[in-house]
């Protein structure tokens, strides 16, 4: 896990009640189905950038939870470099959402961001009881992470316009499961502002 430097906002402010989690958006999309994911992931990235800006304004920490692409010695910089290489189909995602020094970065080995990672340790350290899940794929890694967050009794918001799947049918199916089985709020960011979700406004 990569921590922000000591002089970052996250290390000097009071513990947050919420965290923005960005799942697998540092991605080369170099796999079967990656071509189908490129356009919807790009659209989700634009919404995530705006949500990340809102999180910064609200003092909400940003946590990247990212696959290691099978490179078990990888850490933040090598994963970003791998996905930003000249022949990477996912370079546009890196350009939009490159992690900043103030962001946390956790490498995950499996679908869920909670499985065999430091996320279950980090969230309590930050005073987090509510999580916003964004990223790809809605019907795989986002869904598995949402299930683990729900079992740990975190309040969930999965904005429908900040997650993507290889097909919109799969995205909508996953959002339906998260809404009904995991009590997640799934309204998109153009219907629900971060400030309103944080304050509990309907």
N, C-alpha and C. Protein backbone atom coordinates (compact mmCIF):
# COMPACT_ATOMS: atom_id res chain seq x y z
N UNK A 1 0.85 -1.19 0.00
CA UNK A 1 0.00 0.00 0.00
C UNK A 1 0.87 1.23 0.00
N UNK A 2 0.60 2.18 -0.89
CA UNK A 2 1.33 3.44 -0.94
C UNK A 2 0.56 4.49 -0.17
N UNK A 3 1.24 5.13 0.79
CA UNK A 3 0.60 6.14 1.63
C UNK A 3 0.96 7.52 1.12
N UNK A 4 0.08 8.52 1.34
CA UNK A 4 0.41 9.89 0.98
C UNK A 4 1.60 10.37 1.81
N UNK A 5 2.35 11.36 1.29
CA UNK A 5 3.45 11.92 2.07
C UNK A 5 2.94 12.58 3.34
N UNK A 6 3.84 12.80 4.30
CA UNK A 6 3.44 13.32 5.61
C UNK A 6 2.79 14.68 5.54
N UNK A 7 3.11 15.47 4.50
CA UNK A 7 2.53 16.81 4.42
C UNK A 7 1.28 16.86 3.56
N UNK A 8 0.72 15.70 3.20
CA UNK A 8 -0.49 15.69 2.39
C UNK A 8 -1.70 16.04 3.25
N UNK A 9 -2.81 16.50 2.61
CA UNK A 9 -4.00 16.83 3.38
C UNK A 9 -4.51 15.67 4.21
N UNK A 10 -4.43 14.43 3.66
CA UNK A 10 -4.99 13.28 4.36
C UNK A 10 -4.30 13.00 5.68
N UNK A 11 -3.03 13.40 5.80
CA UNK A 11 -2.29 13.06 7.00
C UNK A 11 -2.37 14.14 8.06
N UNK A 12 -3.03 15.27 7.75
CA UNK A 12 -3.09 16.36 8.72
C UNK A 12 -4.50 16.71 9.13
N UNK A 13 -5.50 16.23 8.39
CA UNK A 13 -6.88 16.57 8.72
C UNK A 13 -7.47 15.52 9.66
N UNK A 14 -8.63 15.85 10.23
CA UNK A 14 -9.33 14.91 11.11
C UNK A 14 -9.80 13.71 10.30
N UNK A 15 -9.99 12.56 10.94
CA UNK A 15 -10.44 11.37 10.22
C UNK A 15 -11.73 11.63 9.46
N UNK A 16 -11.82 11.08 8.26
CA UNK A 16 -12.99 11.27 7.42
C UNK A 16 -14.02 10.19 7.73
N UNK A 17 -15.29 10.49 7.46
CA UNK A 17 -16.33 9.47 7.62
C UNK A 17 -16.57 8.71 6.33
N UNK A 18 -16.05 9.23 5.21
CA UNK A 18 -16.26 8.60 3.91
C UNK A 18 -14.95 8.53 3.15
N UNK A 19 -14.89 7.64 2.18
CA UNK A 19 -13.74 7.52 1.30
C UNK A 19 -14.22 7.23 -0.11
N UNK A 20 -13.53 7.79 -1.09
CA UNK A 20 -13.78 7.51 -2.49
C UNK A 20 -12.79 6.43 -2.93
N UNK A 21 -13.31 5.30 -3.40
CA UNK A 21 -12.48 4.18 -3.82
C UNK A 21 -12.59 4.02 -5.34
N UNK A 22 -11.45 4.04 -6.00
CA UNK A 22 -11.38 3.93 -7.46
C UNK A 22 -10.77 2.58 -7.79
N UNK A 23 -11.57 1.71 -8.41
CA UNK A 23 -11.21 0.31 -8.58
C UNK A 23 -10.76 0.02 -10.02
N UNK A 24 -9.52 -0.42 -10.17
CA UNK A 24 -8.97 -0.95 -11.43
C UNK A 24 -9.03 0.03 -12.60
N UNK A 25 -9.03 1.33 -12.33
CA UNK A 25 -9.03 2.29 -13.42
C UNK A 25 -7.62 2.58 -13.95
N UNK A 26 -6.60 2.16 -13.22
CA UNK A 26 -5.25 2.17 -13.78
C UNK A 26 -5.12 0.83 -14.48
N UNK A 27 -5.38 0.84 -15.78
CA UNK A 27 -5.68 -0.40 -16.49
C UNK A 27 -5.22 -0.28 -17.93
N UNK A 28 -4.53 -1.30 -18.43
CA UNK A 28 -4.10 -1.26 -19.84
C UNK A 28 -5.18 -1.77 -20.79
N UNK A 29 -6.27 -2.33 -20.25
CA UNK A 29 -7.37 -2.88 -21.07
C UNK A 29 -6.87 -3.87 -22.10
N UNK A 30 -5.75 -4.51 -21.83
CA UNK A 30 -5.14 -5.44 -22.77
C UNK A 30 -5.53 -6.87 -22.40
N UNK A 31 -6.80 -7.18 -22.60
CA UNK A 31 -7.32 -8.51 -22.28
C UNK A 31 -8.58 -8.75 -23.11
N UNK A 32 -9.04 -9.97 -23.16
CA UNK A 32 -10.27 -10.28 -23.87
C UNK A 32 -11.42 -9.48 -23.27
N UNK A 33 -12.09 -8.70 -24.10
CA UNK A 33 -13.17 -7.84 -23.62
C UNK A 33 -12.72 -6.42 -23.36
N UNK A 34 -11.41 -6.17 -23.38
CA UNK A 34 -10.91 -4.82 -23.11
C UNK A 34 -11.36 -3.80 -24.13
N UNK A 35 -11.46 -4.22 -25.39
CA UNK A 35 -11.91 -3.31 -26.44
C UNK A 35 -13.34 -2.85 -26.17
N UNK A 36 -14.20 -3.77 -25.73
CA UNK A 36 -15.59 -3.41 -25.42
C UNK A 36 -15.67 -2.51 -24.19
N UNK A 37 -14.69 -2.61 -23.33
CA UNK A 37 -14.70 -1.82 -22.09
C UNK A 37 -14.14 -0.42 -22.28
N UNK A 38 -13.38 -0.21 -23.35
CA UNK A 38 -12.64 1.05 -23.50
C UNK A 38 -13.55 2.28 -23.49
N UNK A 39 -14.59 2.27 -24.29
CA UNK A 39 -15.46 3.46 -24.37
C UNK A 39 -16.23 3.70 -23.08
N UNK A 40 -16.92 2.68 -22.52
CA UNK A 40 -17.64 2.94 -21.26
C UNK A 40 -16.69 3.29 -20.10
N UNK A 41 -15.49 2.71 -20.08
CA UNK A 41 -14.54 3.07 -19.02
C UNK A 41 -14.09 4.51 -19.17
N UNK A 42 -13.91 4.96 -20.40
CA UNK A 42 -13.54 6.35 -20.63
C UNK A 42 -14.62 7.31 -20.17
N UNK A 43 -15.89 6.95 -20.43
CA UNK A 43 -16.99 7.80 -19.96
C UNK A 43 -17.05 7.81 -18.44
N UNK A 44 -16.85 6.64 -17.81
CA UNK A 44 -16.84 6.59 -16.35
C UNK A 44 -15.69 7.40 -15.79
N UNK A 45 -14.53 7.37 -16.46
CA UNK A 45 -13.36 8.12 -15.97
C UNK A 45 -13.65 9.61 -15.88
N UNK A 46 -14.36 10.15 -16.86
CA UNK A 46 -14.68 11.57 -16.82
C UNK A 46 -15.55 11.91 -15.61
N UNK A 47 -16.48 11.05 -15.28
CA UNK A 47 -17.32 11.27 -14.10
C UNK A 47 -16.52 11.10 -12.81
N UNK A 48 -15.61 10.14 -12.81
CA UNK A 48 -14.80 9.91 -11.61
C UNK A 48 -13.90 11.10 -11.34
N UNK A 49 -13.33 11.69 -12.39
CA UNK A 49 -12.49 12.88 -12.20
C UNK A 49 -13.27 13.99 -11.50
N UNK A 50 -14.50 14.23 -11.97
CA UNK A 50 -15.32 15.27 -11.34
C UNK A 50 -15.65 14.91 -9.90
N UNK A 51 -15.93 13.63 -9.64
CA UNK A 51 -16.23 13.18 -8.28
C UNK A 51 -14.99 13.28 -7.41
N UNK A 52 -13.83 12.99 -7.96
CA UNK A 52 -12.58 13.12 -7.21
C UNK A 52 -12.33 14.58 -6.83
N UNK A 53 -12.63 15.49 -7.74
CA UNK A 53 -12.49 16.92 -7.42
C UNK A 53 -13.42 17.30 -6.27
N UNK A 54 -14.65 16.79 -6.31
CA UNK A 54 -15.61 17.08 -5.23
C UNK A 54 -15.13 16.48 -3.92
N UNK A 55 -14.54 15.29 -3.99
CA UNK A 55 -14.01 14.65 -2.78
C UNK A 55 -12.88 15.49 -2.19
N UNK A 56 -12.03 16.02 -3.03
CA UNK A 56 -10.96 16.89 -2.54
C UNK A 56 -11.54 18.09 -1.79
N UNK A 57 -12.56 18.69 -2.36
CA UNK A 57 -13.19 19.86 -1.74
C UNK A 57 -13.82 19.51 -0.40
N UNK A 58 -14.34 18.29 -0.28
CA UNK A 58 -15.03 17.87 0.94
C UNK A 58 -14.09 17.22 1.96
N UNK A 59 -12.81 17.09 1.62
CA UNK A 59 -11.88 16.44 2.54
C UNK A 59 -12.05 14.94 2.61
N UNK A 60 -12.57 14.35 1.55
CA UNK A 60 -12.78 12.90 1.49
C UNK A 60 -11.54 12.26 0.86
N UNK A 61 -10.90 11.31 1.56
CA UNK A 61 -9.71 10.68 0.99
C UNK A 61 -10.02 9.84 -0.24
N UNK A 62 -9.05 9.78 -1.13
CA UNK A 62 -9.17 9.02 -2.38
C UNK A 62 -8.25 7.81 -2.29
N UNK A 63 -8.82 6.63 -2.55
CA UNK A 63 -8.07 5.38 -2.44
C UNK A 63 -8.18 4.63 -3.77
N UNK A 64 -7.06 4.44 -4.44
CA UNK A 64 -7.02 3.58 -5.61
C UNK A 64 -6.82 2.14 -5.14
N UNK A 65 -7.67 1.23 -5.62
CA UNK A 65 -7.51 -0.19 -5.33
C UNK A 65 -7.38 -0.86 -6.69
N UNK A 66 -6.22 -1.44 -6.96
CA UNK A 66 -5.91 -1.81 -8.33
C UNK A 66 -5.30 -3.19 -8.47
N UNK A 67 -5.67 -3.84 -9.56
CA UNK A 67 -5.11 -5.15 -9.88
C UNK A 67 -3.61 -5.05 -10.12
N UNK A 68 -2.91 -6.17 -9.87
CA UNK A 68 -1.47 -6.18 -10.10
C UNK A 68 -1.09 -6.78 -11.45
N UNK A 69 -2.11 -7.17 -12.25
CA UNK A 69 -1.90 -7.72 -13.59
C UNK A 69 -0.97 -8.94 -13.57
N UNK A 70 -0.97 -9.66 -12.47
CA UNK A 70 -0.16 -10.86 -12.37
C UNK A 70 1.30 -10.61 -12.09
N UNK A 71 1.68 -9.34 -11.91
CA UNK A 71 3.07 -9.00 -11.61
C UNK A 71 3.21 -8.85 -10.10
N UNK A 72 3.65 -9.90 -9.45
CA UNK A 72 3.60 -9.95 -8.00
C UNK A 72 4.62 -9.07 -7.31
N UNK A 73 5.59 -8.53 -8.03
CA UNK A 73 6.54 -7.60 -7.44
C UNK A 73 6.16 -6.14 -7.72
N UNK A 74 5.01 -5.95 -8.35
CA UNK A 74 4.61 -4.61 -8.74
C UNK A 74 4.17 -3.76 -7.56
N UNK A 75 4.40 -2.46 -7.69
CA UNK A 75 3.84 -1.48 -6.77
C UNK A 75 3.33 -0.32 -7.61
N UNK A 76 2.94 0.76 -6.95
CA UNK A 76 2.23 1.84 -7.62
C UNK A 76 2.90 2.31 -8.91
N UNK A 77 4.14 2.71 -8.86
CA UNK A 77 4.79 3.32 -10.02
C UNK A 77 4.93 2.34 -11.17
N UNK A 78 5.25 1.08 -10.87
CA UNK A 78 5.43 0.12 -11.95
C UNK A 78 4.10 -0.25 -12.59
N UNK A 79 3.01 -0.28 -11.80
CA UNK A 79 1.69 -0.54 -12.36
C UNK A 79 1.27 0.61 -13.27
N UNK A 80 1.47 1.84 -12.81
CA UNK A 80 1.12 3.00 -13.65
C UNK A 80 1.95 3.00 -14.93
N UNK A 81 3.24 2.74 -14.81
CA UNK A 81 4.11 2.73 -16.00
C UNK A 81 3.69 1.62 -16.97
N UNK A 82 3.34 0.46 -16.44
CA UNK A 82 2.91 -0.65 -17.29
C UNK A 82 1.66 -0.26 -18.09
N UNK A 83 0.73 0.39 -17.44
CA UNK A 83 -0.53 0.74 -18.11
C UNK A 83 -0.39 1.97 -19.00
N UNK A 84 0.67 2.74 -18.81
CA UNK A 84 0.89 3.97 -19.58
C UNK A 84 1.90 3.77 -20.70
N UNK A 85 2.29 2.54 -20.97
CA UNK A 85 3.26 2.28 -22.03
C UNK A 85 2.65 2.67 -23.39
N UNK A 86 3.51 2.86 -24.38
CA UNK A 86 3.08 3.41 -25.66
C UNK A 86 2.00 2.57 -26.34
N UNK A 87 2.06 1.24 -26.19
CA UNK A 87 1.11 0.38 -26.88
C UNK A 87 -0.08 -0.02 -26.01
N UNK A 88 -0.27 0.65 -24.88
CA UNK A 88 -1.36 0.30 -23.97
C UNK A 88 -2.69 0.83 -24.47
N UNK A 89 -3.69 -0.04 -24.67
CA UNK A 89 -5.02 0.45 -25.08
C UNK A 89 -5.69 1.33 -24.02
N UNK A 90 -5.19 1.26 -22.78
CA UNK A 90 -5.81 2.02 -21.70
C UNK A 90 -5.11 3.32 -21.35
N UNK A 91 -4.23 3.82 -22.21
CA UNK A 91 -3.45 5.03 -21.87
C UNK A 91 -4.34 6.22 -21.55
N UNK A 92 -5.49 6.33 -22.20
CA UNK A 92 -6.37 7.48 -21.96
C UNK A 92 -6.87 7.48 -20.51
N UNK A 93 -7.06 6.29 -19.94
CA UNK A 93 -7.49 6.22 -18.55
C UNK A 93 -6.42 6.77 -17.62
N UNK A 94 -5.16 6.45 -17.93
CA UNK A 94 -4.06 6.93 -17.10
C UNK A 94 -3.96 8.45 -17.20
N UNK A 95 -4.12 8.97 -18.41
CA UNK A 95 -4.05 10.42 -18.59
C UNK A 95 -5.12 11.13 -17.77
N UNK A 96 -6.30 10.52 -17.67
CA UNK A 96 -7.41 11.14 -16.94
C UNK A 96 -7.28 10.97 -15.44
N UNK A 97 -6.81 9.80 -15.00
CA UNK A 97 -6.93 9.44 -13.59
C UNK A 97 -5.60 9.01 -12.95
N UNK A 98 -4.50 9.54 -13.43
CA UNK A 98 -3.21 9.18 -12.83
C UNK A 98 -3.25 9.50 -11.33
N UNK A 99 -2.89 8.55 -10.47
CA UNK A 99 -2.90 8.82 -9.02
C UNK A 99 -1.97 9.95 -8.65
N UNK A 100 -2.40 10.75 -7.70
CA UNK A 100 -1.61 11.87 -7.22
C UNK A 100 -0.88 11.49 -5.94
N UNK A 101 0.08 12.31 -5.55
CA UNK A 101 0.86 12.02 -4.34
C UNK A 101 -0.03 11.93 -3.11
N UNK A 102 -1.14 12.66 -3.10
CA UNK A 102 -2.01 12.69 -1.93
C UNK A 102 -2.97 11.51 -1.85
N UNK A 103 -3.00 10.67 -2.91
CA UNK A 103 -3.92 9.55 -2.95
C UNK A 103 -3.28 8.29 -2.35
N UNK A 104 -4.11 7.45 -1.75
CA UNK A 104 -3.66 6.14 -1.32
C UNK A 104 -3.73 5.18 -2.51
N UNK A 105 -2.86 4.17 -2.50
CA UNK A 105 -2.84 3.21 -3.60
C UNK A 105 -2.63 1.82 -3.01
N UNK A 106 -3.59 0.94 -3.22
CA UNK A 106 -3.55 -0.42 -2.68
C UNK A 106 -3.59 -1.41 -3.85
N UNK A 107 -2.67 -2.35 -3.85
CA UNK A 107 -2.63 -3.38 -4.88
C UNK A 107 -3.43 -4.59 -4.39
N UNK A 108 -4.32 -5.08 -5.26
CA UNK A 108 -5.14 -6.24 -4.89
C UNK A 108 -4.79 -7.42 -5.79
N UNK A 109 -4.82 -8.64 -5.25
CA UNK A 109 -4.51 -9.82 -6.05
C UNK A 109 -5.73 -10.51 -6.64
N UNK A 110 -6.93 -10.13 -6.18
CA UNK A 110 -8.14 -10.80 -6.62
C UNK A 110 -9.24 -9.79 -6.85
N UNK A 111 -10.48 -10.29 -7.07
CA UNK A 111 -11.56 -9.40 -7.48
C UNK A 111 -11.89 -8.35 -6.42
N UNK A 112 -12.05 -8.74 -5.19
CA UNK A 112 -12.47 -7.80 -4.15
C UNK A 112 -11.31 -6.95 -3.65
N UNK A 113 -11.59 -5.67 -3.44
CA UNK A 113 -10.59 -4.80 -2.87
C UNK A 113 -10.26 -5.11 -1.43
N UNK A 114 -11.09 -5.92 -0.78
CA UNK A 114 -10.86 -6.26 0.62
C UNK A 114 -10.05 -7.55 0.77
N UNK A 115 -9.98 -8.36 -0.27
CA UNK A 115 -9.36 -9.68 -0.15
C UNK A 115 -7.83 -9.58 -0.19
N UNK A 116 -7.17 -9.98 0.91
CA UNK A 116 -5.71 -10.03 0.99
C UNK A 116 -5.06 -8.69 0.69
N UNK A 117 -5.72 -7.60 1.13
CA UNK A 117 -5.15 -6.25 0.96
C UNK A 117 -5.17 -5.53 2.31
N UNK A 118 -4.62 -4.32 2.31
CA UNK A 118 -4.61 -3.48 3.50
C UNK A 118 -5.86 -2.61 3.64
N UNK A 119 -6.80 -2.73 2.72
CA UNK A 119 -7.99 -1.88 2.78
C UNK A 119 -8.76 -2.04 4.08
N UNK A 120 -8.96 -3.27 4.61
CA UNK A 120 -9.67 -3.40 5.88
C UNK A 120 -8.96 -2.75 7.05
N UNK A 121 -7.66 -2.52 6.92
CA UNK A 121 -6.89 -1.84 7.97
C UNK A 121 -6.94 -0.32 7.77
N UNK A 122 -6.82 0.10 6.50
CA UNK A 122 -6.75 1.53 6.21
C UNK A 122 -8.06 2.25 6.52
N UNK A 123 -9.20 1.69 6.14
CA UNK A 123 -10.47 2.40 6.31
C UNK A 123 -10.74 2.77 7.76
N UNK A 124 -10.58 1.86 8.73
CA UNK A 124 -10.77 2.27 10.13
C UNK A 124 -9.75 3.31 10.58
N UNK A 125 -8.52 3.23 10.07
CA UNK A 125 -7.51 4.22 10.43
C UNK A 125 -7.92 5.62 9.98
N UNK A 126 -8.66 5.69 8.87
CA UNK A 126 -9.13 6.97 8.35
C UNK A 126 -10.47 7.38 8.96
N UNK A 127 -11.04 6.55 9.80
CA UNK A 127 -12.32 6.87 10.41
C UNK A 127 -13.48 6.74 9.45
N UNK A 128 -13.36 5.84 8.49
CA UNK A 128 -14.35 5.71 7.42
C UNK A 128 -15.46 4.75 7.81
N UNK A 129 -16.70 5.18 7.61
CA UNK A 129 -17.86 4.31 7.80
C UNK A 129 -18.73 4.24 6.54
N UNK A 130 -18.37 5.05 5.52
CA UNK A 130 -19.13 5.11 4.28
C UNK A 130 -18.15 5.10 3.12
N UNK A 131 -18.45 4.33 2.08
CA UNK A 131 -17.55 4.27 0.95
C UNK A 131 -18.30 4.52 -0.35
N UNK A 132 -17.61 5.18 -1.25
CA UNK A 132 -18.10 5.42 -2.61
C UNK A 132 -17.26 4.55 -3.52
N UNK A 133 -17.89 3.64 -4.24
CA UNK A 133 -17.18 2.73 -5.12
C UNK A 133 -17.35 3.15 -6.57
N UNK A 134 -16.24 3.24 -7.28
CA UNK A 134 -16.24 3.59 -8.70
C UNK A 134 -15.28 2.66 -9.43
N UNK A 135 -15.39 2.60 -10.76
CA UNK A 135 -14.38 1.87 -11.52
C UNK A 135 -14.92 0.74 -12.37
N UNK A 136 -14.06 -0.24 -12.62
CA UNK A 136 -14.37 -1.37 -13.50
C UNK A 136 -13.95 -2.68 -12.84
N UNK A 137 -14.54 -3.75 -13.25
CA UNK A 137 -15.80 -3.81 -13.99
C UNK A 137 -16.92 -3.86 -12.97
N UNK A 138 -18.02 -3.20 -13.31
CA UNK A 138 -19.14 -3.11 -12.37
C UNK A 138 -19.64 -4.48 -11.94
N UNK A 139 -19.63 -5.44 -12.87
CA UNK A 139 -20.19 -6.76 -12.59
C UNK A 139 -19.15 -7.75 -12.06
N UNK A 140 -17.92 -7.30 -11.85
CA UNK A 140 -16.90 -8.20 -11.31
C UNK A 140 -16.26 -7.55 -10.09
N UNK A 141 -15.22 -6.77 -10.29
CA UNK A 141 -14.44 -6.26 -9.15
C UNK A 141 -15.22 -5.26 -8.30
N UNK A 142 -16.01 -4.39 -8.93
CA UNK A 142 -16.81 -3.45 -8.15
C UNK A 142 -17.86 -4.22 -7.35
N UNK A 143 -18.50 -5.20 -7.97
CA UNK A 143 -19.54 -5.99 -7.31
C UNK A 143 -18.96 -6.77 -6.13
N UNK A 144 -17.83 -7.43 -6.31
CA UNK A 144 -17.22 -8.20 -5.23
C UNK A 144 -16.79 -7.30 -4.08
N UNK A 145 -16.25 -6.13 -4.42
CA UNK A 145 -15.84 -5.18 -3.38
C UNK A 145 -17.04 -4.65 -2.63
N UNK A 146 -18.13 -4.39 -3.35
CA UNK A 146 -19.35 -3.92 -2.70
C UNK A 146 -19.90 -4.96 -1.74
N UNK A 147 -19.85 -6.23 -2.13
CA UNK A 147 -20.34 -7.29 -1.25
C UNK A 147 -19.54 -7.35 0.03
N UNK A 148 -18.22 -7.26 -0.08
CA UNK A 148 -17.37 -7.29 1.12
C UNK A 148 -17.58 -6.05 1.97
N UNK A 149 -17.77 -4.89 1.34
CA UNK A 149 -18.03 -3.67 2.11
C UNK A 149 -19.36 -3.78 2.85
N UNK A 150 -20.37 -4.34 2.19
CA UNK A 150 -21.68 -4.50 2.82
C UNK A 150 -21.60 -5.44 4.02
N UNK A 151 -20.85 -6.53 3.87
CA UNK A 151 -20.71 -7.47 4.99
C UNK A 151 -19.99 -6.83 6.18
N UNK A 152 -19.18 -5.81 5.90
CA UNK A 152 -18.47 -5.09 6.96
C UNK A 152 -19.27 -3.88 7.45
N UNK A 153 -20.50 -3.75 6.96
CA UNK A 153 -21.46 -2.75 7.41
C UNK A 153 -21.06 -1.32 7.04
N UNK A 154 -20.39 -1.15 5.90
CA UNK A 154 -20.15 0.18 5.37
C UNK A 154 -21.38 0.65 4.60
N UNK A 155 -21.74 1.91 4.75
CA UNK A 155 -22.75 2.50 3.88
C UNK A 155 -22.14 2.66 2.49
N UNK A 156 -22.94 2.38 1.46
CA UNK A 156 -22.42 2.32 0.11
C UNK A 156 -23.11 3.30 -0.83
N UNK A 157 -22.30 3.97 -1.64
CA UNK A 157 -22.80 4.68 -2.81
C UNK A 157 -21.98 4.20 -4.00
N UNK A 158 -22.66 3.65 -4.99
CA UNK A 158 -22.01 3.22 -6.23
C UNK A 158 -22.66 4.03 -7.35
N UNK A 159 -22.16 5.23 -7.65
CA UNK A 159 -22.79 6.06 -8.67
C UNK A 159 -22.80 5.33 -10.01
N UNK A 160 -23.99 5.20 -10.59
CA UNK A 160 -24.13 4.39 -11.80
C UNK A 160 -23.34 4.90 -12.98
N UNK A 161 -23.02 6.20 -13.00
CA UNK A 161 -22.27 6.75 -14.13
C UNK A 161 -20.76 6.72 -13.91
N UNK A 162 -20.31 6.15 -12.78
CA UNK A 162 -18.87 6.08 -12.51
C UNK A 162 -18.36 4.65 -12.54
N UNK A 163 -19.20 3.73 -12.96
CA UNK A 163 -18.77 2.33 -13.11
C UNK A 163 -19.06 1.89 -14.54
N UNK A 164 -18.30 0.91 -15.00
CA UNK A 164 -18.46 0.45 -16.38
C UNK A 164 -18.26 -1.05 -16.44
N UNK A 165 -18.87 -1.65 -17.45
CA UNK A 165 -18.70 -3.07 -17.76
C UNK A 165 -18.55 -3.22 -19.26
N UNK A 166 -18.26 -4.44 -19.69
CA UNK A 166 -18.10 -4.68 -21.12
C UNK A 166 -19.41 -4.45 -21.88
N UNK A 167 -20.54 -4.61 -21.20
CA UNK A 167 -21.83 -4.29 -21.81
C UNK A 167 -22.66 -3.50 -20.79
N UNK A 168 -23.54 -2.64 -21.31
CA UNK A 168 -24.37 -1.86 -20.40
C UNK A 168 -25.35 -2.76 -19.67
N UNK A 169 -25.73 -3.87 -20.30
CA UNK A 169 -26.61 -4.83 -19.62
C UNK A 169 -25.95 -5.37 -18.36
N UNK A 170 -24.67 -5.71 -18.43
CA UNK A 170 -23.95 -6.21 -17.27
C UNK A 170 -23.83 -5.13 -16.19
N UNK A 171 -23.59 -3.90 -16.62
CA UNK A 171 -23.49 -2.79 -15.65
C UNK A 171 -24.81 -2.60 -14.92
N UNK A 172 -25.91 -2.58 -15.64
CA UNK A 172 -27.21 -2.37 -15.02
C UNK A 172 -27.59 -3.54 -14.11
N UNK A 173 -27.24 -4.76 -14.53
CA UNK A 173 -27.49 -5.95 -13.72
C UNK A 173 -26.73 -5.86 -12.40
N UNK A 174 -25.47 -5.46 -12.46
CA UNK A 174 -24.67 -5.36 -11.24
C UNK A 174 -25.20 -4.27 -10.32
N UNK A 175 -25.59 -3.14 -10.88
CA UNK A 175 -26.13 -2.06 -10.05
C UNK A 175 -27.42 -2.50 -9.37
N UNK A 176 -28.23 -3.27 -10.07
CA UNK A 176 -29.47 -3.76 -9.47
C UNK A 176 -29.18 -4.66 -8.27
N UNK A 177 -28.20 -5.54 -8.41
CA UNK A 177 -27.83 -6.42 -7.30
C UNK A 177 -27.31 -5.58 -6.12
N UNK A 178 -26.46 -4.63 -6.39
CA UNK A 178 -25.89 -3.81 -5.31
C UNK A 178 -26.97 -2.98 -4.62
N UNK A 179 -27.94 -2.52 -5.40
CA UNK A 179 -29.01 -1.72 -4.82
C UNK A 179 -29.92 -2.57 -3.93
N UNK A 180 -30.29 -3.75 -4.38
CA UNK A 180 -31.27 -4.55 -3.65
C UNK A 180 -30.65 -5.48 -2.62
N UNK A 181 -29.49 -6.06 -2.92
CA UNK A 181 -28.90 -7.04 -2.01
C UNK A 181 -27.91 -6.41 -1.03
N UNK A 182 -27.38 -5.23 -1.38
CA UNK A 182 -26.34 -4.63 -0.55
C UNK A 182 -26.72 -3.24 -0.05
N UNK A 183 -27.98 -2.87 -0.27
CA UNK A 183 -28.51 -1.59 0.22
C UNK A 183 -27.70 -0.40 -0.28
N UNK A 184 -27.13 -0.50 -1.47
CA UNK A 184 -26.30 0.57 -2.01
C UNK A 184 -27.15 1.64 -2.67
N UNK A 185 -26.77 2.89 -2.47
CA UNK A 185 -27.29 3.99 -3.28
C UNK A 185 -26.60 3.90 -4.63
N UNK A 186 -27.36 3.97 -5.73
CA UNK A 186 -26.75 3.83 -7.05
C UNK A 186 -27.08 4.99 -7.99
N UNK A 187 -27.71 6.04 -7.46
CA UNK A 187 -28.01 7.18 -8.33
C UNK A 187 -26.73 7.76 -8.91
N UNK A 188 -26.75 8.20 -10.17
CA UNK A 188 -25.56 8.77 -10.79
C UNK A 188 -25.23 10.14 -10.22
N UNK A 189 -24.05 10.62 -10.56
CA UNK A 189 -23.57 11.88 -9.97
C UNK A 189 -24.35 13.10 -10.47
N UNK A 190 -25.05 12.96 -11.59
CA UNK A 190 -25.85 14.10 -12.04
C UNK A 190 -27.23 14.13 -11.36
N UNK A 191 -27.52 13.11 -10.55
CA UNK A 191 -28.76 13.10 -9.77
C UNK A 191 -28.50 13.25 -8.27
N UNK A 192 -27.32 12.91 -7.83
CA UNK A 192 -26.97 12.98 -6.41
C UNK A 192 -25.58 13.57 -6.26
N UNK A 193 -25.49 14.71 -5.60
CA UNK A 193 -24.20 15.36 -5.37
C UNK A 193 -23.50 14.73 -4.17
N UNK A 194 -22.18 14.75 -4.20
CA UNK A 194 -21.42 14.19 -3.09
C UNK A 194 -21.80 14.86 -1.78
N UNK A 195 -21.93 16.16 -1.79
CA UNK A 195 -22.25 16.89 -0.56
C UNK A 195 -23.59 16.44 0.01
N UNK A 196 -24.56 16.18 -0.87
CA UNK A 196 -25.87 15.73 -0.41
C UNK A 196 -25.80 14.33 0.16
N UNK A 197 -25.03 13.44 -0.48
CA UNK A 197 -24.90 12.08 0.06
C UNK A 197 -24.21 12.11 1.41
N UNK A 198 -23.19 12.93 1.53
CA UNK A 198 -22.46 13.01 2.80
C UNK A 198 -23.36 13.54 3.93
N UNK A 199 -24.27 14.44 3.58
CA UNK A 199 -25.13 15.04 4.60
C UNK A 199 -26.39 14.25 4.83
N UNK A 200 -26.62 13.20 4.02
CA UNK A 200 -27.79 12.36 4.21
C UNK A 200 -29.04 12.93 3.58
N UNK A 201 -28.92 13.94 2.71
CA UNK A 201 -30.09 14.49 2.05
C UNK A 201 -30.63 13.50 1.03
N UNK A 202 -31.96 13.39 0.89
CA UNK A 202 -32.54 12.44 -0.07
C UNK A 202 -32.29 12.87 -1.51
